[in-house]
Amino acid sequence: MDKFTVFTAVAAPYEKPNVDTDQLLPARFLRRPRSEGYQTFLFRDLRYNDDNSEKPDFVLNQAPYRNAGIMVADRAFGGGSSREQAVWALTDSGIRSVIASSFGDIFYNNAFKNGFLPVRLDQAVVEDLRAQLLKNPGARITIDLEKQTVLAPDGKTHGFDIGGFHKQSMLLGLDEVGVTLLNDPEISTFETAYKSRRPWMSAPPRPERG
């Protein structure tokens, strides 16, 4: 997955709370092959009419926000079912981060596995960010993962918390397996020492078949 270090992008305000994964990616699209992309299905039922025409009042259909790379949402973003495809729909649409006051736990963990950064900020800060974006359509936000800061359109900086493992994996662009393999020399040393102390635990060689 792509590294996430410092990311600056147009930010789109989305004021509806309790955005669940079925709103992000309706269940009827779950079997689509990953290689074919999910960008056209993000917020499908909220963003498009039955004839596939765009709903002009939906924020991502409006010119200033059409190419947004960051969303500033409300509370309880990504609740509901555990579908990883909800994160794919966001990343395939070019959105690398959502800022909200709270997230669904499963969505939050799925995000990091796909190079997507969920940023938790206080509710008052999130509301202020959305107000700035509505006042200045097309305004940009900068997220610095190393410093764990969000630079708002008004120039104010807001810090956020993130677990050390999640931060490392995003900065390096690695999944859980990739991060674990960074410790491969230490793992090999441990395995060798462990086997030498407990040789009876090593599996015997398989007999050759004639």
Protein backbone atom coordinates (compact mmCIF):
# COMPACT_ATOMS: atom_id res chain seq x y z
CA MET A 1 0.00 0.00 0.00
CA ASP A 2 1.08 3.63 -0.47
CA LYS A 3 2.95 5.44 2.29
CA PHE A 4 1.16 8.18 4.21
CA THR A 5 3.45 10.95 5.45
CA VAL A 6 2.27 14.51 4.78
CA PHE A 7 -0.95 14.82 2.79
CA THR A 8 -2.51 18.06 1.58
CA ALA A 9 -5.82 17.99 -0.28
CA VAL A 10 -9.13 19.69 -0.84
CA ALA A 11 -11.40 18.71 2.04
CA ALA A 12 -15.12 18.05 1.75
CA PRO A 13 -17.47 18.63 4.70
CA TYR A 14 -20.04 15.92 5.37
CA GLU A 15 -22.35 16.88 8.20
CA LYS A 16 -24.47 13.76 8.52
CA PRO A 17 -23.62 11.70 11.64
CA ASN A 18 -23.75 7.91 11.93
CA VAL A 19 -22.50 7.15 8.42
CA ASP A 20 -22.49 3.35 8.31
CA THR A 21 -20.68 1.06 5.89
CA ASP A 22 -23.87 0.31 3.96
CA GLN A 23 -24.14 4.00 3.11
CA LEU A 24 -20.48 4.05 2.09
CA LEU A 25 -20.73 0.89 -0.02
CA PRO A 26 -24.16 -0.76 -0.47
CA ALA A 27 -24.18 -4.52 0.06
CA ARG A 28 -25.16 -5.36 -3.53
CA PHE A 29 -21.66 -4.34 -4.71
CA LEU A 30 -19.68 -6.47 -2.27
CA ARG A 31 -18.84 -9.23 -4.75
CA ARG A 32 -17.21 -6.92 -7.26
CA PRO A 33 -13.59 -7.98 -7.95
CA ARG A 34 -11.09 -5.72 -6.18
CA SER A 35 -9.15 -5.21 -9.41
CA GLU A 36 -12.14 -3.53 -11.09
CA GLY A 37 -12.25 -0.66 -8.58
CA TYR A 38 -14.96 0.62 -6.26
CA GLN A 39 -14.86 4.35 -6.91
CA THR A 40 -18.22 4.54 -8.70
CA PHE A 41 -20.03 2.93 -5.76
CA LEU A 42 -18.99 5.27 -2.94
CA PHE A 43 -22.19 6.62 -1.33
CA ARG A 44 -23.99 5.11 -4.33
CA ASP A 45 -27.56 5.38 -3.04
CA LEU A 46 -27.05 8.83 -1.54
CA ARG A 47 -25.05 10.26 -4.43
CA TYR A 48 -26.98 9.01 -7.47
CA ASN A 49 -30.60 8.79 -8.66
CA ASP A 50 -32.16 5.57 -9.93
CA ASP A 51 -31.21 6.53 -13.50
CA ASN A 52 -27.53 6.91 -12.40
CA SER A 53 -27.65 10.70 -12.71
CA GLU A 54 -25.93 12.66 -9.95
CA LYS A 55 -27.83 14.28 -7.12
CA PRO A 56 -26.59 17.88 -7.25
CA ASP A 57 -27.00 18.49 -3.53
CA PHE A 58 -24.58 15.70 -2.53
CA VAL A 59 -21.29 17.27 -1.48
CA LEU A 60 -18.97 15.13 -3.62
CA ASN A 61 -21.01 16.02 -6.71
CA GLN A 62 -20.36 19.72 -6.22
CA ALA A 63 -17.50 21.31 -8.18
CA PRO A 64 -15.41 22.57 -5.23
CA TYR A 65 -15.37 19.13 -3.59
CA ARG A 66 -15.52 16.74 -6.55
CA ASN A 67 -11.81 15.87 -6.30
CA ALA A 68 -11.58 16.00 -2.51
CA GLY A 69 -8.85 13.88 -0.93
CA ILE A 70 -10.04 14.39 2.66
CA MET A 71 -13.50 14.30 4.22
CA VAL A 72 -14.44 16.00 7.46
CA ALA A 73 -17.39 14.08 8.84
CA ASP A 74 -19.31 14.04 12.11
CA ARG A 75 -19.46 11.34 14.78
CA ALA A 76 -19.73 7.55 14.45
CA PHE A 77 -18.30 7.36 10.93
CA GLY A 78 -18.01 3.84 9.50
CA GLY A 79 -20.25 1.97 11.91
CA GLY A 80 -22.25 -1.08 10.91
CA SER A 81 -20.98 -4.23 9.20
CA SER A 82 -17.33 -5.17 8.83
CA ARG A 83 -17.08 -4.83 5.03
CA GLU A 84 -13.56 -3.84 4.01
CA GLN A 85 -14.96 -2.72 0.67
CA ALA A 86 -16.22 0.47 2.33
CA VAL A 87 -12.59 1.54 2.76
CA TRP A 88 -11.79 0.48 -0.82
CA ALA A 89 -14.57 2.72 -2.12
CA LEU A 90 -13.02 5.71 -0.35
CA THR A 91 -9.44 5.04 -1.40
CA ASP A 92 -10.41 4.22 -5.00
CA SER A 93 -12.17 7.60 -5.10
CA GLY A 94 -8.93 9.36 -4.14
CA ILE A 95 -9.90 10.00 -0.51
CA ARG A 96 -6.96 9.14 1.78
CA SER A 97 -8.36 10.30 5.13
CA VAL A 98 -11.54 11.04 7.05
CA ILE A 99 -11.54 13.37 10.05
CA ALA A 100 -14.33 12.71 12.55
CA SER A 101 -14.96 12.74 16.27
CA SER A 102 -15.49 8.97 16.40
CA PHE A 103 -15.38 5.89 14.17
CA GLY A 104 -16.78 2.39 14.03
CA ASP A 105 -14.12 0.11 15.54
CA ILE A 106 -13.95 -2.38 12.68
CA PHE A 107 -13.86 0.35 10.04
CA TYR A 108 -11.12 2.12 11.99
CA ASN A 109 -8.87 -0.95 11.94
CA ASN A 110 -9.69 -1.86 8.34
CA ALA A 111 -8.66 1.64 7.29
CA PHE A 112 -5.04 1.23 8.35
CA LYS A 113 -4.76 -2.07 6.49
CA ASN A 114 -5.52 -0.20 3.26
CA GLY A 115 -3.37 2.90 3.64
CA PHE A 116 -6.33 5.02 4.75
CA LEU A 117 -5.94 7.35 7.74
CA PRO A 118 -8.89 7.88 10.13
CA VAL A 119 -8.22 10.95 12.30
CA ARG A 120 -10.08 11.51 15.56
CA LEU A 121 -10.51 15.10 16.73
CA ASP A 122 -12.78 16.63 19.36
CA GLN A 123 -16.36 17.23 18.23
CA ALA A 124 -16.02 21.00 18.58
CA VAL A 125 -12.91 21.01 16.38
CA VAL A 126 -14.57 18.84 13.74
CA GLU A 127 -17.60 21.14 13.65
CA ASP A 128 -15.34 24.17 13.27
CA LEU A 129 -13.43 22.52 10.41
CA ARG A 130 -16.66 21.80 8.55
CA ALA A 131 -17.80 25.38 9.03
CA GLN A 132 -14.53 26.65 7.53
CA LEU A 133 -14.89 24.33 4.54
CA LEU A 134 -18.47 25.43 3.92
CA LYS A 135 -17.42 29.08 4.12
CA ASN A 136 -14.44 28.54 1.79
CA PRO A 137 -15.36 25.80 -0.73
CA GLY A 138 -12.27 24.15 -2.12
CA ALA A 139 -10.12 24.94 0.93
CA ARG A 140 -7.32 22.52 1.73
CA ILE A 141 -6.31 20.68 4.87
CA THR A 142 -2.85 19.25 5.57
CA ILE A 143 -2.37 16.11 7.66
CA ASP A 144 1.14 15.42 8.94
CA LEU A 145 1.24 11.87 10.23
CA GLU A 146 4.80 12.06 11.61
CA LYS A 147 3.90 15.12 13.71
CA GLN A 148 0.32 13.88 14.26
CA THR A 149 -1.17 17.24 13.33
CA VAL A 150 -3.98 18.61 11.19
CA LEU A 151 -3.44 22.06 9.67
CA ALA A 152 -6.82 23.74 9.20
CA PRO A 153 -7.70 26.29 6.49
CA ASP A 154 -7.54 29.09 9.11
CA GLY A 155 -3.92 28.19 9.92
CA LYS A 156 -4.61 26.56 13.28
CA THR A 157 -2.95 23.23 14.08
CA HIS A 158 -4.75 20.41 15.87
CA GLY A 159 -2.99 17.36 17.29
CA PHE A 160 -4.40 13.84 17.13
CA ASP A 161 -3.57 10.50 18.72
CA ILE A 162 -2.72 7.30 16.89
CA GLY A 163 -1.35 3.94 17.99
CA GLY A 164 2.36 3.38 17.42
CA PHE A 165 1.88 0.26 15.29
CA HIS A 166 -0.70 1.93 13.07
CA LYS A 167 1.49 5.00 12.67
CA GLN A 168 4.54 2.94 11.71
CA SER A 169 2.63 0.85 9.19
CA MET A 170 1.20 3.95 7.49
CA LEU A 171 4.53 5.79 7.37
CA LEU A 172 6.26 2.75 5.87
CA GLY A 173 3.39 1.73 3.62
CA LEU A 174 3.32 -1.78 5.08
CA ASP A 175 0.56 -4.07 6.32
CA GLU A 176 0.76 -6.10 9.54
CA VAL A 177 2.82 -8.86 7.92
CA GLY A 178 5.23 -6.36 6.38
CA VAL A 179 5.79 -4.58 9.69
CA THR A 180 6.35 -7.91 11.46
CA LEU A 181 8.94 -8.96 8.87
CA LEU A 182 10.99 -5.88 9.71
CA ASN A 183 11.96 -7.89 12.80
CA ASP A 184 12.90 -10.99 10.81
CA PRO A 185 16.54 -11.12 12.09
CA GLU A 186 15.35 -11.00 15.71
CA ILE A 187 12.67 -13.61 15.00
CA SER A 188 15.20 -15.96 13.39
CA THR A 189 17.62 -15.52 16.30
CA PHE A 190 14.88 -16.33 18.79
CA GLU A 191 13.75 -19.40 16.84
CA THR A 192 17.30 -20.76 16.63
CA ALA A 193 17.93 -20.26 20.36
CA TYR A 194 14.54 -21.71 21.27
CA LYS A 195 15.15 -24.86 19.23
CA SER A 196 18.61 -25.33 20.72
CA ARG A 197 17.17 -25.24 24.24
CA ARG A 198 14.28 -27.55 23.35
CA PRO A 199 15.50 -29.86 20.58
CA TRP A 200 12.75 -32.38 21.31
CA MET A 201 10.18 -29.84 20.07
CA SER A 202 11.63 -29.74 16.56
CA ALA A 203 9.67 -31.80 14.09
CA PRO A 204 11.54 -34.95 12.88
CA PRO A 205 12.45 -35.06 9.21
CA ARG A 206 9.83 -36.59 6.95
CA PRO A 207 10.78 -40.09 5.67
CA GLU A 208 11.58 -40.26 2.00
CA ARG A 209 9.08 -42.09 -0.16
CA GLY A 210 10.44 -44.80 -2.43
